[in-house]
Amino acid sequence: MRTSSPHFWELSLYRCSDYCRAGIPILPVVAGKEETKRQIGIYTVPSAPTAVLLWPLGYANEIYGAIAAAAGAVMTGLALRLRAAGDRGERGAEHLFAFSIRYLFLLFAALLLSARMSPG
């Protein structure tokens, strides 16, 4: 089964040998590390600007927009750096996974802050 979440792919890339030993058919085990990095980029690059869209669409304020844009830029940069790392990417996958947890926290906290600041 293929999941469509870069967050899980980052973890599975970082811990690939564990999944392989356990016989769990996760993306890096089934399709390889390079394909996993490609998929992470395919999903991460459009996800970051999509998160920012909540601001211009009126669902969040400019503070959320700034936080989403900055965090999305870091997330995208880390994903692109992972892709460029070649075989040396395990450490990059670990960093990207750790940041993705912070990224989601930042987005949700900024969205909550935005909702609390809205009139009415």
PDB file of N, CA and C in Angstrom:
ATOM      1  N   MET A   1       0.849  -1.176   0.000  1.00  0.00           N
ATOM      2  CA  MET A   1       0.000   0.000   0.000  1.00  0.00           C
ATOM      3  C   MET A   1       0.891   1.235   0.000  1.00  0.00           C
ATOM      4  N   ARG A   2       0.565   2.188  -0.865  1.00  0.00           N
ATOM      5  CA  ARG A   2       1.317   3.437  -0.931  1.00  0.00           C
ATOM      6  C   ARG A   2       0.561   4.523  -0.204  1.00  0.00           C
ATOM      7  N   THR A   3       1.219   5.175   0.672  1.00  0.00           N
ATOM      8  CA  THR A   3       0.645   6.331   1.332  1.00  0.00           C
ATOM      9  C   THR A   3       1.042   7.564   0.539  1.00  0.00           C
ATOM     10  N   SER A   4       0.286   8.597   0.621  1.00  0.00           N
ATOM     11  CA  SER A   4       0.600   9.804  -0.157  1.00  0.00           C
ATOM     12  C   SER A   4       1.031  10.946   0.750  1.00  0.00           C
ATOM     13  N   SER A   5       1.827  10.628   1.742  1.00  0.00           N
ATOM     14  CA  SER A   5       2.257  11.656   2.671  1.00  0.00           C
ATOM     15  C   SER A   5       3.774  11.729   2.741  1.00  0.00           C
ATOM     16  N   PRO A   6       4.340  12.859   2.329  1.00  0.00           N
ATOM     17  CA  PRO A   6       5.787  13.005   2.444  1.00  0.00           C
ATOM     18  C   PRO A   6       6.281  12.823   3.872  1.00  0.00           C
ATOM     19  N   HIS A   7       5.462  13.190   4.841  1.00  0.00           N
ATOM     20  CA  HIS A   7       5.849  13.049   6.248  1.00  0.00           C
ATOM     21  C   HIS A   7       6.209  11.592   6.560  1.00  0.00           C
ATOM     22  N   PHE A   8       5.389  10.653   6.123  1.00  0.00           N
ATOM     23  CA  PHE A   8       5.662   9.241   6.363  1.00  0.00           C
ATOM     24  C   PHE A   8       6.812   8.742   5.499  1.00  0.00           C
ATOM     25  N   TRP A   9       6.919   9.272   4.292  1.00  0.00           N
ATOM     26  CA  TRP A   9       8.024   8.864   3.419  1.00  0.00           C
ATOM     27  C   TRP A   9       9.363   9.314   3.981  1.00  0.00           C
ATOM     28  N   GLU A  10       9.392  10.486   4.599  1.00  0.00           N
ATOM     29  CA  GLU A  10      10.636  10.968   5.212  1.00  0.00           C
ATOM     30  C   GLU A  10      11.067  10.023   6.327  1.00  0.00           C
ATOM     31  N   LEU A  11      10.110   9.641   7.158  1.00  0.00           N
ATOM     32  CA  LEU A  11      10.407   8.710   8.238  1.00  0.00           C
ATOM     33  C   LEU A  11      10.842   7.367   7.668  1.00  0.00           C
ATOM     34  N   SER A  12      10.135   6.870   6.678  1.00  0.00           N
ATOM     35  CA  SER A  12      10.474   5.566   6.106  1.00  0.00           C
ATOM     36  C   SER A  12      11.818   5.599   5.388  1.00  0.00           C
ATOM     37  N   LEU A  13      12.178   6.731   4.817  1.00  0.00           N
ATOM     38  CA  LEU A  13      13.477   6.873   4.172  1.00  0.00           C
ATOM     39  C   LEU A  13      14.584   6.863   5.224  1.00  0.00           C
ATOM     40  N   TYR A  14      14.343   7.561   6.296  1.00  0.00           N
ATOM     41  CA  TYR A  14      15.308   7.634   7.392  1.00  0.00           C
ATOM     42  C   TYR A  14      15.496   6.268   8.058  1.00  0.00           C
ATOM     43  N   ARG A  15      14.421   5.519   8.206  1.00  0.00           N
ATOM     44  CA  ARG A  15      14.467   4.216   8.885  1.00  0.00           C
ATOM     45  C   ARG A  15      14.280   3.056   7.903  1.00  0.00           C
ATOM     46  N   CYS A  16      14.710   3.223   6.684  1.00  0.00           N
ATOM     47  CA  CYS A  16      14.501   2.250   5.619  1.00  0.00           C
ATOM     48  C   CYS A  16      14.989   0.850   5.983  1.00  0.00           C
ATOM     49  N   SER A  17      16.155   0.761   6.555  1.00  0.00           N
ATOM     50  CA  SER A  17      16.691  -0.568   6.879  1.00  0.00           C
ATOM     51  C   SER A  17      15.802  -1.293   7.897  1.00  0.00           C
ATOM     52  N   ASP A  18      15.203  -0.568   8.815  1.00  0.00           N
ATOM     53  CA  ASP A  18      14.298  -1.186   9.790  1.00  0.00           C
ATOM     54  C   ASP A  18      13.049  -1.737   9.098  1.00  0.00           C
ATOM     55  N   TYR A  19      12.464  -0.950   8.201  1.00  0.00           N
ATOM     56  CA  TYR A  19      11.279  -1.404   7.468  1.00  0.00           C
ATOM     57  C   TYR A  19      11.620  -2.601   6.583  1.00  0.00           C
ATOM     58  N   CYS A  20      12.792  -2.579   5.970  1.00  0.00           N
ATOM     59  CA  CYS A  20      13.228  -3.673   5.104  1.00  0.00           C
ATOM     60  C   CYS A  20      13.385  -4.967   5.915  1.00  0.00           C
ATOM     61  N   ARG A  21      14.073  -4.897   7.057  1.00  0.00           N
ATOM     62  CA  ARG A  21      14.254  -6.070   7.921  1.00  0.00           C
ATOM     63  C   ARG A  21      12.919  -6.627   8.411  1.00  0.00           C
ATOM     64  N   ALA A  22      11.961  -5.723   8.654  1.00  0.00           N
ATOM     65  CA  ALA A  22      10.652  -6.156   9.147  1.00  0.00           C
ATOM     66  C   ALA A  22       9.748  -6.666   8.020  1.00  0.00           C
ATOM     67  N   GLY A  23      10.180  -6.469   6.771  1.00  0.00           N
ATOM     68  CA  GLY A  23       9.379  -6.933   5.634  1.00  0.00           C
ATOM     69  C   GLY A  23       8.164  -6.062   5.355  1.00  0.00           C
ATOM     70  N   ILE A  24       8.228  -4.803   5.765  1.00  0.00           N
ATOM     71  CA  ILE A  24       7.106  -3.886   5.543  1.00  0.00           C
ATOM     72  C   ILE A  24       7.306  -3.203   4.189  1.00  0.00           C
ATOM     73  N   PRO A  25       6.362  -3.385   3.278  1.00  0.00           N
ATOM     74  CA  PRO A  25       6.526  -2.858   1.917  1.00  0.00           C
ATOM     75  C   PRO A  25       6.194  -1.374   1.793  1.00  0.00           C
ATOM     76  N   ILE A  26       6.990  -0.547   2.440  1.00  0.00           N
ATOM     77  CA  ILE A  26       6.799   0.895   2.362  1.00  0.00           C
ATOM     78  C   ILE A  26       7.602   1.424   1.169  1.00  0.00           C
ATOM     79  N   LEU A  27       7.285   2.608   0.688  1.00  0.00           N
ATOM     80  CA  LEU A  27       7.816   3.138  -0.572  1.00  0.00           C
ATOM     81  C   LEU A  27       9.325   2.975  -0.768  1.00  0.00           C
ATOM     82  N   PRO A  28      10.193   3.360   0.167  1.00  0.00           N
ATOM     83  CA  PRO A  28      11.628   3.193  -0.096  1.00  0.00           C
ATOM     84  C   PRO A  28      12.050   1.727  -0.265  1.00  0.00           C
ATOM     85  N   VAL A  29      11.338   0.829   0.393  1.00  0.00           N
ATOM     86  CA  VAL A  29      11.651  -0.594   0.282  1.00  0.00           C
ATOM     87  C   VAL A  29      11.191  -1.132  -1.071  1.00  0.00           C
ATOM     88  N   VAL A  30      10.021  -0.719  -1.508  1.00  0.00           N
ATOM     89  CA  VAL A  30       9.425  -1.223  -2.734  1.00  0.00           C
ATOM     90  C   VAL A  30       9.958  -0.515  -3.984  1.00  0.00           C
ATOM     91  N   ALA A  31      10.049   0.821  -3.925  1.00  0.00           N
ATOM     92  CA  ALA A  31      10.409   1.596  -5.122  1.00  0.00           C
ATOM     93  C   ALA A  31      11.823   2.166  -5.077  1.00  0.00           C
ATOM     94  N   GLY A  32      12.474   2.120  -3.932  1.00  0.00           N
ATOM     95  CA  GLY A  32      13.833   2.628  -3.811  1.00  0.00           C
ATOM     96  C   GLY A  32      13.885   4.032  -3.223  1.00  0.00           C
ATOM     97  N   LYS A  33      15.078   4.377  -2.761  1.00  0.00           N
ATOM     98  CA  LYS A  33      15.267   5.662  -2.090  1.00  0.00           C
ATOM     99  C   LYS A  33      15.148   6.847  -3.038  1.00  0.00           C
ATOM    100  N   GLU A  34      15.670   6.718  -4.247  1.00  0.00           N
ATOM    101  CA  GLU A  34      15.603   7.840  -5.188  1.00  0.00           C
ATOM    102  C   GLU A  34      14.159   8.160  -5.580  1.00  0.00           C
ATOM    103  N   GLU A  35      13.359   7.126  -5.797  1.00  0.00           N
ATOM    104  CA  GLU A  35      11.940   7.350  -6.124  1.00  0.00           C
ATOM    105  C   GLU A  35      11.213   7.975  -4.941  1.00  0.00           C
ATOM    106  N   THR A  36      11.566   7.564  -3.736  1.00  0.00           N
ATOM    107  CA  THR A  36      10.951   8.136  -2.544  1.00  0.00           C
ATOM    108  C   THR A  36      11.276   9.623  -2.444  1.00  0.00           C
ATOM    109  N   LYS A  37      12.531   9.974  -2.706  1.00  0.00           N
ATOM    110  CA  LYS A  37      12.922  11.393  -2.686  1.00  0.00           C
ATOM    111  C   LYS A  37      12.179  12.177  -3.762  1.00  0.00           C
ATOM    112  N   ARG A  38      12.006  11.569  -4.914  1.00  0.00           N
ATOM    113  CA  ARG A  38      11.266  12.233  -5.993  1.00  0.00           C
ATOM    114  C   ARG A  38       9.815  12.472  -5.570  1.00  0.00           C
ATOM    115  N   GLN A  39       9.202  11.474  -4.964  1.00  0.00           N
ATOM    116  CA  GLN A  39       7.813  11.606  -4.514  1.00  0.00           C
ATOM    117  C   GLN A  39       7.681  12.667  -3.418  1.00  0.00           C
ATOM    118  N   ILE A  40       8.649  12.722  -2.517  1.00  0.00           N
ATOM    119  CA  ILE A  40       8.633  13.758  -1.471  1.00  0.00           C
ATOM    120  C   ILE A  40       8.624  15.134  -2.118  1.00  0.00           C
ATOM    121  N   GLY A  41       9.460  15.343  -3.117  1.00  0.00           N
ATOM    122  CA  GLY A  41       9.484  16.627  -3.829  1.00  0.00           C
ATOM    123  C   GLY A  41       8.190  16.910  -4.555  1.00  0.00           C
ATOM    124  N   ILE A  42       7.646  15.888  -5.227  1.00  0.00           N
ATOM    125  CA  ILE A  42       6.403  16.059  -5.987  1.00  0.00           C
ATOM    126  C   ILE A  42       5.263  16.528  -5.079  1.00  0.00           C
ATOM    127  N   TYR A  43       5.219  16.016  -3.866  1.00  0.00           N
ATOM    128  CA  TYR A  43       4.145  16.395  -2.951  1.00  0.00           C
ATOM    129  C   TYR A  43       4.454  17.644  -2.134  1.00  0.00           C
ATOM    130  N   THR A  44       5.715  17.845  -1.771  1.00  0.00           N
ATOM    131  CA  THR A  44       6.068  18.972  -0.901  1.00  0.00           C
ATOM    132  C   THR A  44       6.040  20.298  -1.647  1.00  0.00           C
ATOM    133  N   VAL A  45       6.577  20.332  -2.850  1.00  0.00           N
ATOM    134  CA  VAL A  45       6.682  21.601  -3.582  1.00  0.00           C
ATOM    135  C   VAL A  45       5.311  22.268  -3.766  1.00  0.00           C
ATOM    136  N   PRO A  46       4.261  21.571  -4.191  1.00  0.00           N
ATOM    137  CA  PRO A  46       2.958  22.255  -4.279  1.00  0.00           C
ATOM    138  C   PRO A  46       2.232  22.409  -2.945  1.00  0.00           C
ATOM    139  N   SER A  47       2.580  21.589  -1.957  1.00  0.00           N
ATOM    140  CA  SER A  47       1.888  21.672  -0.660  1.00  0.00           C
ATOM    141  C   SER A  47       2.168  22.981   0.062  1.00  0.00           C
ATOM    142  N   ALA A  48       3.409  23.448   0.007  1.00  0.00           N
ATOM    143  CA  ALA A  48       3.774  24.669   0.726  1.00  0.00           C
ATOM    144  C   ALA A  48       2.971  25.882   0.252  1.00  0.00           C
ATOM    145  N   PRO A  49       2.911  26.170  -1.057  1.00  0.00           N
ATOM    146  CA  PRO A  49       2.091  27.324  -1.468  1.00  0.00           C
ATOM    147  C   PRO A  49       0.592  27.097  -1.259  1.00  0.00           C
ATOM    148  N   THR A  50       0.167  25.858  -1.301  1.00  0.00           N
ATOM    149  CA  THR A  50      -1.250  25.569  -1.069  1.00  0.00           C
ATOM    150  C   THR A  50      -1.645  25.938   0.359  1.00  0.00           C
ATOM    151  N   ALA A  51      -0.752  25.677   1.318  1.00  0.00           N
ATOM    152  CA  ALA A  51      -1.033  26.040   2.714  1.00  0.00           C
ATOM    153  C   ALA A  51      -1.185  27.544   2.866  1.00  0.00           C
ATOM    154  N   VAL A  52      -0.419  28.311   2.108  1.00  0.00           N
ATOM    155  CA  VAL A  52      -0.486  29.780   2.181  1.00  0.00           C
ATOM    156  C   VAL A  52      -1.825  30.290   1.657  1.00  0.00           C
ATOM    157  N   LEU A  53      -2.459  29.554   0.753  1.00  0.00           N
ATOM    158  CA  LEU A  53      -3.713  30.001   0.138  1.00  0.00           C
ATOM    159  C   LEU A  53      -4.830  30.294   1.133  1.00  0.00           C
ATOM    160  N   LEU A  54      -4.748  29.741   2.329  1.00  0.00           N
ATOM    161  CA  LEU A  54      -5.784  30.039   3.323  1.00  0.00           C
ATOM    162  C   LEU A  54      -5.865  31.527   3.627  1.00  0.00           C
ATOM    163  N   TRP A  55      -4.752  32.221   3.498  1.00  0.00           N
ATOM    164  CA  TRP A  55      -4.747  33.665   3.755  1.00  0.00           C
ATOM    165  C   TRP A  55      -5.442  34.439   2.646  1.00  0.00           C
ATOM    166  N   PRO A  56      -5.011  34.368   1.375  1.00  0.00           N
ATOM    167  CA  PRO A  56      -5.705  35.159   0.353  1.00  0.00           C
ATOM    168  C   PRO A  56      -7.163  34.740   0.141  1.00  0.00           C
ATOM    169  N   LEU A  57      -7.495  33.500   0.479  1.00  0.00           N
ATOM    170  CA  LEU A  57      -8.884  33.059   0.338  1.00  0.00           C
ATOM    171  C   LEU A  57      -9.763  33.519   1.496  1.00  0.00           C
ATOM    172  N   GLY A  58      -9.148  34.162   2.499  1.00  0.00           N
ATOM    173  CA  GLY A  58      -9.913  34.738   3.597  1.00  0.00           C
ATOM    174  C   GLY A  58     -10.174  33.814   4.774  1.00  0.00           C
ATOM    175  N   TYR A  59      -9.534  32.663   4.805  1.00  0.00           N
ATOM    176  CA  TYR A  59      -9.730  31.740   5.917  1.00  0.00           C
ATOM    177  C   TYR A  59      -8.754  31.980   7.061  1.00  0.00           C
ATOM    178  N   ALA A  60      -7.757  32.817   6.830  1.00  0.00           N
ATOM    179  CA  ALA A  60      -6.752  33.120   7.850  1.00  0.00           C
ATOM    180  C   ALA A  60      -6.217  34.531   7.602  1.00  0.00           C
ATOM    181  N   ASN A  61      -5.527  35.056   8.608  1.00  0.00           N
ATOM    182  CA  ASN A  61      -5.007  36.423   8.475  1.00  0.00           C
ATOM    183  C   ASN A  61      -3.577  36.440   7.937  1.00  0.00           C
ATOM    184  N   GLU A  62      -3.021  37.655   7.850  1.00  0.00           N
ATOM    185  CA  GLU A  62      -1.680  37.815   7.277  1.00  0.00           C
ATOM    186  C   GLU A  62      -0.580  37.214   8.154  1.00  0.00           C
ATOM    187  N   ILE A  63      -0.824  37.121   9.449  1.00  0.00           N
ATOM    188  CA  ILE A  63       0.173  36.471  10.322  1.00  0.00           C
ATOM    189  C   ILE A  63       0.294  34.998   9.939  1.00  0.00           C
ATOM    190  N   TYR A  64      -0.859  34.348   9.762  1.00  0.00           N
ATOM    191  CA  TYR A  64      -0.832  32.959   9.296  1.00  0.00           C
ATOM    192  C   TYR A  64      -0.119  32.877   7.948  1.00  0.00           C
ATOM    193  N   GLY A  65      -0.452  33.784   7.044  1.00  0.00           N
ATOM    194  CA  GLY A  65       0.153  33.771   5.715  1.00  0.00           C
ATOM    195  C   GLY A  65       1.668  33.877   5.763  1.00  0.00           C
ATOM    196  N   ALA A  66       2.179  34.762   6.622  1.00  0.00           N
ATOM    197  CA  ALA A  66       3.631  34.935   6.743  1.00  0.00           C
ATOM    198  C   ALA A  66       4.288  33.689   7.342  1.00  0.00           C
ATOM    199  N   ILE A  67       3.667  33.126   8.356  1.00  0.00           N
ATOM    200  CA  ILE A  67       4.222  31.920   8.984  1.00  0.00           C
ATOM    201  C   ILE A  67       4.179  30.751   8.010  1.00  0.00           C
ATOM    202  N   ALA A  68       3.058  30.589   7.309  1.00  0.00           N
ATOM    203  CA  ALA A  68       2.931  29.497   6.337  1.00  0.00           C
ATOM    204  C   ALA A  68       3.937  29.652   5.199  1.00  0.00           C
ATOM    205  N   ALA A  69       4.148  30.880   4.742  1.00  0.00           N
ATOM    206  CA  ALA A  69       5.102  31.111   3.651  1.00  0.00           C
ATOM    207  C   ALA A  69       6.528  30.817   4.106  1.00  0.00           C
ATOM    208  N   ALA A  70       6.903  31.303   5.274  1.00  0.00           N
ATOM    209  CA  ALA A  70       8.268  31.080   5.768  1.00  0.00           C
ATOM    210  C   ALA A  70       8.515  29.598   6.058  1.00  0.00           C
ATOM    211  N   ALA A  71       7.600  28.965   6.753  1.00  0.00           N
ATOM    212  CA  ALA A  71       7.769  27.546   7.086  1.00  0.00           C
ATOM    213  C   ALA A  71       7.722  26.685   5.823  1.00  0.00           C
ATOM    214  N   GLY A  72       6.861  27.056   4.889  1.00  0.00           N
ATOM    215  CA  GLY A  72       6.778  26.330   3.620  1.00  0.00           C
ATOM    216  C   GLY A  72       8.050  26.457   2.804  1.00  0.00           C
ATOM    217  N   ALA A  73       8.683  27.619   2.851  1.00  0.00           N
ATOM    218  CA  ALA A  73       9.949  27.814   2.136  1.00  0.00           C
ATOM    219  C   ALA A  73      11.042  26.924   2.733  1.00  0.00           C
ATOM    220  N   VAL A  74      11.077  26.834   4.061  1.00  0.00           N
ATOM    221  CA  VAL A  74      12.062  25.970   4.704  1.00  0.00           C
ATOM    222  C   VAL A  74      11.783  24.507   4.352  1.00  0.00           C
ATOM    223  N   MET A  75      10.522  24.113   4.426  1.00  0.00           N
ATOM    224  CA  MET A  75      10.137  22.727   4.114  1.00  0.00           C
ATOM    225  C   MET A  75      10.521  22.372   2.682  1.00  0.00           C
ATOM    226  N   THR A  76      10.220  23.266   1.749  1.00  0.00           N
ATOM    227  CA  THR A  76      10.551  23.027   0.345  1.00  0.00           C
ATOM    228  C   THR A  76      12.061  22.962   0.149  1.00  0.00           C
ATOM    229  N   GLY A  77      12.786  23.868   0.783  1.00  0.00           N
ATOM    230  CA  GLY A  77      14.243  23.859   0.684  1.00  0.00           C
ATOM    231  C   GLY A  77      14.847  22.566   1.198  1.00  0.00           C
ATOM    232  N   LEU A  78      14.336  22.072   2.325  1.00  0.00           N
ATOM    233  CA  LEU A  78      14.841  20.818   2.877  1.00  0.00           C
ATOM    234  C   LEU A  78      14.516  19.641   1.956  1.00  0.00           C
ATOM    235  N   ALA A  79      13.331  19.650   1.357  1.00  0.00           N
ATOM    236  CA  ALA A  79      12.949  18.573   0.435  1.00  0.00           C
ATOM    237  C   ALA A  79      13.832  18.581  -0.806  1.00  0.00           C
ATOM    238  N   LEU A  80      14.106  19.766  -1.338  1.00  0.00           N
ATOM    239  CA  LEU A  80      14.966  19.858  -2.521  1.00  0.00           C
ATOM    240  C   LEU A  80      16.405  19.475  -2.188  1.00  0.00           C
ATOM    241  N   ARG A  81      16.851  19.853  -1.012  1.00  0.00           N
ATOM    242  CA  ARG A  81      18.203  19.481  -0.588  1.00  0.00           C
ATOM    243  C   ARG A  81      18.316  17.963  -0.413  1.00  0.00           C
ATOM    244  N   LEU A  82      17.277  17.344   0.121  1.00  0.00           N
ATOM    245  CA  LEU A  82      17.255  15.889   0.262  1.00  0.00           C
ATOM    246  C   LEU A  82      17.366  15.219  -1.103  1.00  0.00           C
ATOM    247  N   ARG A  83      16.615  15.732  -2.051  1.00  0.00           N
ATOM    248  CA  ARG A  83      16.639  15.156  -3.409  1.00  0.00           C
ATOM    249  C   ARG A  83      18.029  15.260  -4.021  1.00  0.00           C
ATOM    250  N   ALA A  84      18.707  16.366  -3.769  1.00  0.00           N
ATOM    251  CA  ALA A  84      20.036  16.590  -4.354  1.00  0.00           C
ATOM    252  C   ALA A  84      21.129  15.819  -3.620  1.00  0.00           C
ATOM    253  N   ALA A  85      20.828  15.276  -2.436  1.00  0.00           N
ATOM    254  CA  ALA A  85      21.857  14.646  -1.610  1.00  0.00           C
ATOM    255  C   ALA A  85      22.329  13.294  -2.135  1.00  0.00           C
ATOM    256  N   GLY A  86      21.588  12.685  -3.044  1.00  0.00           N
ATOM    257  CA  GLY A  86      21.995  11.372  -3.542  1.00  0.00           C
ATOM    258  C   GLY A  86      21.962  10.332  -2.448  1.00  0.00           C
ATOM    259  N   ASP A  87      22.975   9.500  -2.394  1.00  0.00           N
ATOM    260  CA  ASP A  87      23.030   8.420  -1.410  1.00  0.00           C
ATOM    261  C   ASP A  87      23.270   8.910   0.011  1.00  0.00           C
ATOM    262  N   ARG A  88      23.674  10.155   0.151  1.00  0.00           N
ATOM    263  CA  ARG A  88      23.957  10.700   1.471  1.00  0.00           C
ATOM    264  C   ARG A  88      22.697  11.255   2.140  1.00  0.00           C
ATOM    265  N   GLY A  89      21.530  10.867   1.687  1.00  0.00           N
ATOM    266  CA  GLY A  89      20.299  11.512   2.098  1.00  0.00           C
ATOM    267  C   GLY A  89      19.669  11.082   3.399  1.00  0.00           C
ATOM    268  N   GLU A  90      20.196  10.048   4.075  1.00  0.00           N
ATOM    269  CA  GLU A  90      19.535   9.601   5.299  1.00  0.00           C
ATOM    270  C   GLU A  90      19.491  10.682   6.367  1.00  0.00           C
ATOM    271  N   ARG A  91      20.573  11.395   6.529  1.00  0.00           N
ATOM    272  CA  ARG A  91      20.597  12.483   7.524  1.00  0.00           C
ATOM    273  C   ARG A  91      19.626  13.592   7.116  1.00  0.00           C
ATOM    274  N   GLY A  92      19.569  13.891   5.832  1.00  0.00           N
ATOM    275  CA  GLY A  92      18.621  14.884   5.337  1.00  0.00           C
ATOM    276  C   GLY A  92      17.186  14.458   5.546  1.00  0.00           C
ATOM    277  N   ALA A  93      16.921  13.167   5.390  1.00  0.00           N
ATOM    278  CA  ALA A  93      15.568  12.646   5.625  1.00  0.00           C
ATOM    279  C   ALA A  93      15.189  12.805   7.093  1.00  0.00           C
ATOM    280  N   GLU A  94      16.156  12.571   7.975  1.00  0.00           N
ATOM    281  CA  GLU A  94      15.910  12.746   9.407  1.00  0.00           C
ATOM    282  C   GLU A  94      15.583  14.208   9.716  1.00  0.00           C
ATOM    283  N   HIS A  95      16.332  15.128   9.139  1.00  0.00           N
ATOM    284  CA  HIS A  95      16.094  16.563   9.371  1.00  0.00           C
ATOM    285  C   HIS A  95      14.750  16.987   8.794  1.00  0.00           C
ATOM    286  N   LEU A  96      14.433  16.508   7.596  1.00  0.00           N
ATOM    287  CA  LEU A  96      13.165  16.864   6.970  1.00  0.00           C
ATOM    288  C   LEU A  96      11.993  16.313   7.776  1.00  0.00           C
ATOM    289  N   PHE A  97      12.110  15.085   8.260  1.00  0.00           N
ATOM    290  CA  PHE A  97      11.050  14.506   9.086  1.00  0.00           C
ATOM    291  C   PHE A  97      10.853  15.333  10.362  1.00  0.00           C
ATOM    292  N   ALA A  98      11.962  15.670  11.032  1.00  0.00           N
ATOM    293  CA  ALA A  98      11.871  16.462  12.265  1.00  0.00           C
ATOM    294  C   ALA A  98      11.242  17.825  11.985  1.00  0.00           C
ATOM    295  N   PHE A  99      11.627  18.458  10.868  1.00  0.00           N
ATOM    296  CA  PHE A  99      11.041  19.757  10.566  1.00  0.00           C
ATOM    297  C   PHE A  99       9.574  19.627  10.180  1.00  0.00           C
ATOM    298  N   SER A 100       9.193  18.534   9.509  1.00  0.00           N
ATOM    299  CA  SER A 100       7.797  18.390   9.091  1.00  0.00           C
ATOM    300  C   SER A 100       6.853  18.361  10.288  1.00  0.00           C
ATOM    301  N   ILE A 101       7.328  17.808  11.414  1.00  0.00           N
ATOM    302  CA  ILE A 101       6.518  17.826  12.635  1.00  0.00           C
ATOM    303  C   ILE A 101       6.348  19.275  13.112  1.00  0.00           C
ATOM    304  N   ARG A 102       7.437  20.020  13.109  1.00  0.00           N
ATOM    305  CA  ARG A 102       7.379  21.438  13.512  1.00  0.00           C
ATOM    306  C   ARG A 102       6.528  22.244  12.520  1.00  0.00           C
ATOM    307  N   TYR A 103       6.658  21.933  11.244  1.00  0.00           N
ATOM    308  CA  TYR A 103       5.912  22.625  10.194  1.00  0.00           C
ATOM    309  C   TYR A 103       4.408  22.497  10.445  1.00  0.00           C
ATOM    310  N   LEU A 104       3.962  21.281  10.686  1.00  0.00           N
ATOM    311  CA  LEU A 104       2.535  21.075  10.937  1.00  0.00           C
ATOM    312  C   LEU A 104       2.099  21.797  12.205  1.00  0.00           C
ATOM    313  N   PHE A 105       2.907  21.732  13.254  1.00  0.00           N
ATOM    314  CA  PHE A 105       2.594  22.450  14.480  1.00  0.00           C
ATOM    315  C   PHE A 105       2.482  23.954  14.223  1.00  0.00           C
ATOM    316  N   LEU A 106       3.448  24.509  13.493  1.00  0.00           N
ATOM    317  CA  LEU A 106       3.428  25.949  13.192  1.00  0.00           C
ATOM    318  C   LEU A 106       2.177  26.341  12.417  1.00  0.00           C
ATOM    319  N   LEU A 107       1.826  25.546  11.405  1.00  0.00           N
ATOM    320  CA  LEU A 107       0.634  25.867  10.616  1.00  0.00           C
ATOM    321  C   LEU A 107      -0.623  25.843  11.473  1.00  0.00           C
ATOM    322  N   PHE A 108      -0.783  24.799  12.269  1.00  0.00           N
ATOM    323  CA  PHE A 108      -1.991  24.696  13.090  1.00  0.00           C
ATOM    324  C   PHE A 108      -2.028  25.767  14.173  1.00  0.00           C
ATOM    325  N   ALA A 109      -0.893  26.059  14.782  1.00  0.00           N
ATOM    326  CA  ALA A 109      -0.846  27.114  15.800  1.00  0.00           C
ATOM    327  C   ALA A 109      -1.143  28.475  15.175  1.00  0.00           C
ATOM    328  N   ALA A 110      -0.589  28.741  13.998  1.00  0.00           N
ATOM    329  CA  ALA A 110      -0.847  30.011  13.320  1.00  0.00           C
ATOM    330  C   ALA A 110      -2.314  30.120  12.908  1.00  0.00           C
ATOM    331  N   LEU A 111      -2.894  29.019  12.490  1.00  0.00           N
ATOM    332  CA  LEU A 111      -4.312  29.024  12.115  1.00  0.00           C
ATOM    333  C   LEU A 111      -5.190  29.277  13.332  1.00  0.00           C
ATOM    334  N   LEU A 112      -4.836  28.667  14.446  1.00  0.00           N
ATOM    335  CA  LEU A 112      -5.573  28.902  15.697  1.00  0.00           C
ATOM    336  C   LEU A 112      -5.435  30.358  16.129  1.00  0.00           C
ATOM    337  N   LEU A 113      -4.227  30.893  16.065  1.00  0.00           N
ATOM    338  CA  LEU A 113      -3.987  32.295  16.403  1.00  0.00           C
ATOM    339  C   LEU A 113      -4.790  33.211  15.489  1.00  0.00           C
ATOM    340  N   SER A 114      -4.810  32.887  14.224  1.00  0.00           N
ATOM    341  CA  SER A 114      -5.562  33.681  13.257  1.00  0.00           C
ATOM    342  C   SER A 114      -7.057  33.685  13.588  1.00  0.00           C
ATOM    343  N   ALA A 115      -7.578  32.530  13.955  1.00  0.00           N
ATOM    344  CA  ALA A 115      -8.992  32.436  14.302  1.00  0.00           C
ATOM    345  C   ALA A 115      -9.305  33.225  15.576  1.00  0.00           C
ATOM    346  N   ARG A 116      -8.397  33.179  16.536  1.00  0.00           N
ATOM    347  CA  ARG A 116      -8.605  33.914  17.793  1.00  0.00           C
ATOM    348  C   ARG A 116      -8.547  35.430  17.576  1.00  0.00           C
ATOM    349  N   MET A 117      -7.781  35.866  16.585  1.00  0.00           N
ATOM    350  CA  MET A 117      -7.625  37.298  16.319  1.00  0.00           C
ATOM    351  C   MET A 117      -8.739  37.860  15.429  1.00  0.00           C
ATOM    352  N   SER A 118      -9.497  36.974  14.802  1.00  0.00           N
ATOM    353  CA  SER A 118     -10.522  37.469  13.872  1.00  0.00           C
ATOM    354  C   SER A 118     -11.689  38.095  14.638  1.00  0.00           C
ATOM    355  N   PRO A 119     -12.278  39.137  14.062  1.00  0.00           N
ATOM    356  CA  PRO A 119     -13.411  39.778  14.732  1.00  0.00           C
ATOM    357  C   PRO A 119     -14.636  38.866  14.741  1.00  0.00           C
ATOM    358  N   GLY A 120     -15.389  38.971  15.791  1.00  0.00           N
ATOM    359  CA  GLY A 120     -16.659  38.255  15.853  1.00  0.00           C
ATOM    360  C   GLY A 120     -16.551  37.018  16.539  1.00  0.00           C
TER     361      GLY A 120
END
